[in-house]
């Protein structure tokens, strides 16, 4: 694996043909967690996938389609048209250098543009392949069990997010009560409107201090994400290579 801190001579010497493009986000995680968590997660993805695929890993884009959080101060949201146009430019220009396989990994769960973009780019450019690492459909449930998060009703900004932040960036965490129980009915509207209309403070879930130590919560965060990413890495190279061969088979 090489990344954007390496030199062009090193990239040329290693003759890599695969690129990992991580996309994070800058968005609210309730009143007391930092807004770069999705970017830190995307960076973790990218490093692991880059090692498995022996790829060139790009820096994480720190912005995403975060419309549901956009009414919370500090959140940055980019339209899917702008974001995908930038990603297409990146892919196209790198393809002219000989890169032909691309993996996109988003740290933001609301990146609904991802699947449509990948399908469109694969149709538009016949000589390259773009995929995402979604072949292990049980990765989330396996990680939830490993970290002991079963039974937690959370989408964003609750106990799991606190554990994640305490593992990734404890210096940026303020441990104060936040969040609330969200009525199941609100899920019906979660993709239609800002979460300022659906939650108390942006948290879809809640956190109450004092139940575990900071070290215990950080360990839960570590176990969850390392398990999740490890599971997603399983078979990833084989999927990429088979998909590339299938696409390049001009007889099919």
Protein backbone atom coordinates (compact mmCIF):
# COMPACT_ATOMS: atom_id res chain seq x y z
CA UNK A 1 0.00 0.00 0.00
CA UNK A 2 1.08 3.55 -0.77
CA UNK A 3 -0.73 6.78 -0.08
CA UNK A 4 -0.69 10.48 -0.87
CA UNK A 5 2.33 10.99 1.42
CA UNK A 6 4.50 8.89 -0.90
CA UNK A 7 6.33 10.22 -3.93
CA UNK A 8 5.50 9.91 -7.61
CA UNK A 9 8.72 7.91 -8.05
CA UNK A 10 7.56 5.38 -5.46
CA UNK A 11 4.14 5.10 -7.11
CA UNK A 12 5.78 4.55 -10.49
CA UNK A 13 8.17 1.95 -9.08
CA UNK A 14 5.40 -0.08 -7.45
CA UNK A 15 3.16 0.10 -10.54
CA UNK A 16 -0.08 0.06 -8.55
CA UNK A 17 -3.35 -0.16 -10.51
CA UNK A 18 -5.88 0.29 -7.69
CA UNK A 19 -7.02 3.44 -5.89
CA UNK A 20 -8.97 3.78 -2.64
CA UNK A 21 -11.03 6.98 -2.36
CA UNK A 22 -12.34 7.66 1.17
CA UNK A 23 -15.18 10.14 1.66
CA UNK A 24 -15.89 11.41 5.16
CA UNK A 25 -18.18 14.19 6.36
CA UNK A 26 -18.27 17.30 8.51
CA UNK A 27 -21.55 17.04 10.36
CA UNK A 28 -23.09 17.32 13.80
CA UNK A 29 -22.99 14.40 16.23
CA UNK A 30 -25.17 15.98 18.84
CA UNK A 31 -24.05 18.90 21.02
CA UNK A 32 -20.94 17.31 22.54
CA UNK A 33 -19.16 15.18 19.93
CA UNK A 34 -16.81 16.48 17.22
CA UNK A 35 -18.01 16.87 13.65
CA UNK A 36 -15.19 14.96 11.94
CA UNK A 37 -16.03 11.46 13.20
CA UNK A 38 -17.15 10.20 9.76
CA UNK A 39 -13.91 11.43 8.26
CA UNK A 40 -11.86 9.60 10.87
CA UNK A 41 -13.88 6.45 10.20
CA UNK A 42 -13.36 6.81 6.44
CA UNK A 43 -9.62 7.07 7.05
CA UNK A 44 -9.69 3.83 9.04
CA UNK A 45 -11.58 2.15 6.20
CA UNK A 46 -9.17 3.43 3.58
CA UNK A 47 -6.01 2.28 5.34
CA UNK A 48 -7.37 -1.23 5.89
CA UNK A 49 -8.74 -1.57 2.36
CA UNK A 50 -5.55 -0.12 0.90
CA UNK A 51 -3.47 -2.77 2.65
CA UNK A 52 -5.72 -5.60 1.51
CA UNK A 53 -5.82 -4.37 -2.09
CA UNK A 54 -2.22 -3.09 -2.28
CA UNK A 55 -3.69 0.20 -3.44
CA UNK A 56 -2.89 3.89 -3.67
CA UNK A 57 -4.89 5.53 -0.86
CA UNK A 58 -6.05 9.11 -1.34
CA UNK A 59 -6.74 11.62 1.46
CA UNK A 60 -10.28 11.62 2.77
CA UNK A 61 -12.69 14.15 1.34
CA UNK A 62 -14.14 15.80 4.46
CA UNK A 63 -17.55 16.71 2.98
CA UNK A 64 -20.58 14.65 2.02
CA UNK A 65 -24.32 14.86 1.45
CA UNK A 66 -25.35 15.75 5.00
CA UNK A 67 -28.66 17.49 4.35
CA UNK A 68 -30.35 15.84 7.33
CA UNK A 69 -27.86 17.60 9.63
CA UNK A 70 -27.53 20.88 7.75
CA UNK A 71 -29.58 22.98 10.19
CA UNK A 72 -27.09 22.27 12.97
CA UNK A 73 -24.35 24.88 13.10
CA UNK A 74 -21.03 23.79 11.63
CA UNK A 75 -22.35 21.00 9.41
CA UNK A 76 -21.21 21.20 5.80
CA UNK A 77 -23.37 19.55 3.16
CA UNK A 78 -22.55 19.24 -0.54
CA UNK A 79 -25.08 18.44 -3.22
CA UNK A 80 -24.76 14.97 -4.75
CA UNK A 81 -24.20 16.54 -8.17
CA UNK A 82 -21.18 18.51 -6.97
CA UNK A 83 -19.73 15.66 -4.94
CA UNK A 84 -20.06 13.04 -7.66
CA UNK A 85 -18.72 15.44 -10.29
CA UNK A 86 -15.57 15.87 -8.21
CA UNK A 87 -15.23 12.13 -7.69
CA UNK A 88 -15.66 11.50 -11.40
CA UNK A 89 -12.91 14.03 -12.17
CA UNK A 90 -10.59 12.29 -9.69
CA UNK A 91 -11.30 8.86 -11.14
CA UNK A 92 -11.02 10.00 -14.76
CA UNK A 93 -7.71 11.78 -14.26
CA UNK A 94 -6.16 8.90 -12.35
CA UNK A 95 -7.35 6.46 -15.02
CA UNK A 96 -5.25 8.41 -17.55
CA UNK A 97 -2.20 7.53 -15.41
CA UNK A 98 -2.90 3.80 -15.67
CA UNK A 99 -5.07 3.23 -12.60
CA UNK A 100 -7.99 1.02 -13.60
CA UNK A 101 -9.58 -0.23 -10.35
CA UNK A 102 -11.20 2.08 -7.83
CA UNK A 103 -12.82 1.52 -4.45
CA UNK A 104 -14.98 4.19 -2.83
CA UNK A 105 -15.56 4.03 0.91
CA UNK A 106 -17.83 6.50 2.68
CA UNK A 107 -17.77 7.04 6.42
CA UNK A 108 -21.21 8.67 6.31
CA UNK A 109 -24.24 6.40 6.45
CA UNK A 110 -26.38 8.94 4.60
CA UNK A 111 -24.29 8.78 1.42
CA UNK A 112 -27.18 7.57 -0.74
CA UNK A 113 -25.48 8.82 -3.92
CA UNK A 114 -22.84 6.10 -3.66
CA UNK A 115 -24.59 3.17 -5.34
CA UNK A 116 -26.07 5.18 -8.19
CA UNK A 117 -22.76 6.92 -8.86
CA UNK A 118 -20.80 3.66 -8.97
CA UNK A 119 -23.28 2.05 -11.34
CA UNK A 120 -23.23 5.10 -13.63
CA UNK A 121 -19.42 5.38 -13.75
CA UNK A 122 -19.03 1.70 -14.55
CA UNK A 123 -21.48 2.15 -17.43
CA UNK A 124 -19.87 5.36 -18.68
CA UNK A 125 -16.25 4.20 -18.58
CA UNK A 126 -15.82 0.67 -20.00
CA UNK A 127 -12.09 0.38 -19.27
CA UNK A 128 -12.17 0.91 -15.51
CA UNK A 129 -13.98 -0.63 -12.55
CA UNK A 130 -15.40 1.14 -9.51
CA UNK A 131 -16.77 -0.79 -6.53
CA UNK A 132 -17.67 -0.29 -2.87
CA UNK A 133 -16.90 -2.73 -0.03
CA UNK A 134 -20.47 -3.87 0.63
CA UNK A 135 -20.10 -7.59 -0.15
CA UNK A 136 -20.16 -8.77 3.49
CA UNK A 137 -23.76 -8.02 4.42
CA UNK A 138 -23.45 -9.29 7.99
CA UNK A 139 -20.50 -7.06 8.93
CA UNK A 140 -22.56 -4.66 11.04
CA UNK A 141 -24.35 -7.35 13.04
CA UNK A 142 -21.10 -9.25 13.62
CA UNK A 143 -19.46 -6.08 14.95
CA UNK A 144 -22.47 -5.15 17.11
CA UNK A 145 -22.31 -8.55 18.80
CA UNK A 146 -18.54 -8.43 19.27
CA UNK A 147 -18.72 -5.04 20.99
CA UNK A 148 -21.80 -5.83 23.07
CA UNK A 149 -24.01 -3.22 21.42
CA UNK A 150 -27.02 -5.52 20.98
CA UNK A 151 -30.36 -3.92 21.74
CA UNK A 152 -29.18 -0.33 21.27
CA UNK A 153 -31.62 1.67 19.17
CA UNK A 154 -29.30 4.23 17.64
CA UNK A 155 -28.71 5.75 14.22
CA UNK A 156 -26.40 8.66 14.99
CA UNK A 157 -24.96 10.49 17.97
CA UNK A 158 -25.77 8.19 20.91
CA UNK A 159 -23.82 5.74 23.05
CA UNK A 160 -22.14 4.00 20.10
CA UNK A 161 -20.99 7.34 18.75
CA UNK A 162 -19.56 8.31 22.14
CA UNK A 163 -17.64 5.02 22.24
CA UNK A 164 -16.38 5.64 18.71
CA UNK A 165 -15.21 9.16 19.52
CA UNK A 166 -13.49 8.06 22.74
CA UNK A 167 -11.50 5.56 20.69
CA UNK A 168 -10.69 7.82 17.73
CA UNK A 169 -10.32 11.28 19.29
CA UNK A 170 -10.87 11.31 23.08
CA UNK A 171 -9.38 14.79 23.36
CA UNK A 172 -12.38 16.18 21.41
CA UNK A 173 -15.13 14.53 23.49
CA UNK A 174 -17.28 16.30 26.06
CA UNK A 175 -19.00 13.71 28.24
CA UNK A 176 -22.39 15.25 28.95
CA UNK A 177 -25.88 13.72 28.74
CA UNK A 178 -27.30 14.04 25.23
CA UNK A 179 -29.94 12.55 22.99
CA UNK A 180 -33.30 11.01 23.73
CA UNK A 181 -35.49 8.08 22.79
CA UNK A 182 -36.78 8.67 19.26
CA UNK A 183 -40.28 7.43 18.38
CA UNK A 184 -40.23 4.65 15.79
CA UNK A 185 -42.66 6.71 13.72
CA UNK A 186 -39.92 9.28 13.11
CA UNK A 187 -37.94 6.80 11.03
CA UNK A 188 -40.58 7.20 8.35
CA UNK A 189 -39.42 10.79 7.83
CA UNK A 190 -35.69 10.44 8.46
CA UNK A 191 -34.76 10.68 4.76
CA UNK A 192 -37.20 13.48 3.97
CA UNK A 193 -36.29 16.31 6.33
CA UNK A 194 -33.71 17.73 8.69
CA UNK A 195 -33.24 15.96 11.98
CA UNK A 196 -33.85 19.20 13.84
CA UNK A 197 -37.51 18.33 13.16
CA UNK A 198 -37.19 14.74 14.39
CA UNK A 199 -34.76 14.75 17.32
CA UNK A 200 -34.22 16.74 20.49
CA UNK A 201 -30.61 17.74 19.79
CA UNK A 202 -29.50 15.94 16.62
CA UNK A 203 -28.85 12.62 18.37
CA UNK A 204 -30.78 9.60 17.13
CA UNK A 205 -30.06 7.66 20.30
CA UNK A 206 -28.90 8.79 23.70
CA UNK A 207 -25.97 8.81 26.09
CA UNK A 208 -26.06 8.89 29.90
CA UNK A 209 -22.69 9.34 31.64
CA UNK A 210 -21.48 7.13 34.43
CA UNK A 211 -22.46 3.64 33.31
CA UNK A 212 -18.98 2.76 32.01
CA UNK A 213 -15.54 4.33 32.32
CA UNK A 214 -14.03 6.25 29.42
CA UNK A 215 -11.55 3.43 28.90
CA UNK A 216 -14.32 0.83 28.76
CA UNK A 217 -16.29 2.85 26.22
CA UNK A 218 -13.20 3.46 24.08
CA UNK A 219 -12.53 -0.28 24.07
CA UNK A 220 -16.08 -0.94 22.88
CA UNK A 221 -15.54 1.55 20.08
CA UNK A 222 -12.28 -0.08 19.08
CA UNK A 223 -13.71 -3.61 19.10
CA UNK A 224 -16.74 -2.58 17.07
CA UNK A 225 -14.88 -0.77 14.30
CA UNK A 226 -11.95 -3.15 14.06
CA UNK A 227 -14.36 -6.09 13.83
CA UNK A 228 -16.53 -4.32 11.28
CA UNK A 229 -13.62 -3.29 9.07
CA UNK A 230 -11.94 -6.69 9.34
CA UNK A 231 -15.13 -8.40 8.22
CA UNK A 232 -15.48 -6.00 5.29
CA UNK A 233 -11.89 -6.76 4.25
CA UNK A 234 -12.61 -10.48 4.01
CA UNK A 235 -12.84 -11.48 0.36
CA UNK A 236 -12.57 -7.87 -0.84
CA UNK A 237 -9.59 -8.41 -3.13
CA UNK A 238 -11.22 -11.49 -4.70
CA UNK A 239 -14.43 -9.53 -5.34
CA UNK A 240 -12.51 -6.68 -6.94
CA UNK A 241 -10.43 -8.93 -9.17
CA UNK A 242 -13.36 -11.08 -10.27
CA UNK A 243 -15.50 -8.05 -10.98
CA UNK A 244 -12.70 -6.49 -13.04
CA UNK A 245 -12.18 -9.64 -15.07
CA UNK A 246 -15.91 -10.01 -15.69
CA UNK A 247 -16.19 -6.40 -16.85
CA UNK A 248 -13.13 -6.61 -19.10
CA UNK A 249 -14.36 -9.82 -20.75
CA UNK A 250 -15.48 -8.31 -24.04
CA UNK A 251 -17.26 -11.52 -25.02
CA UNK A 252 -19.86 -11.17 -22.26
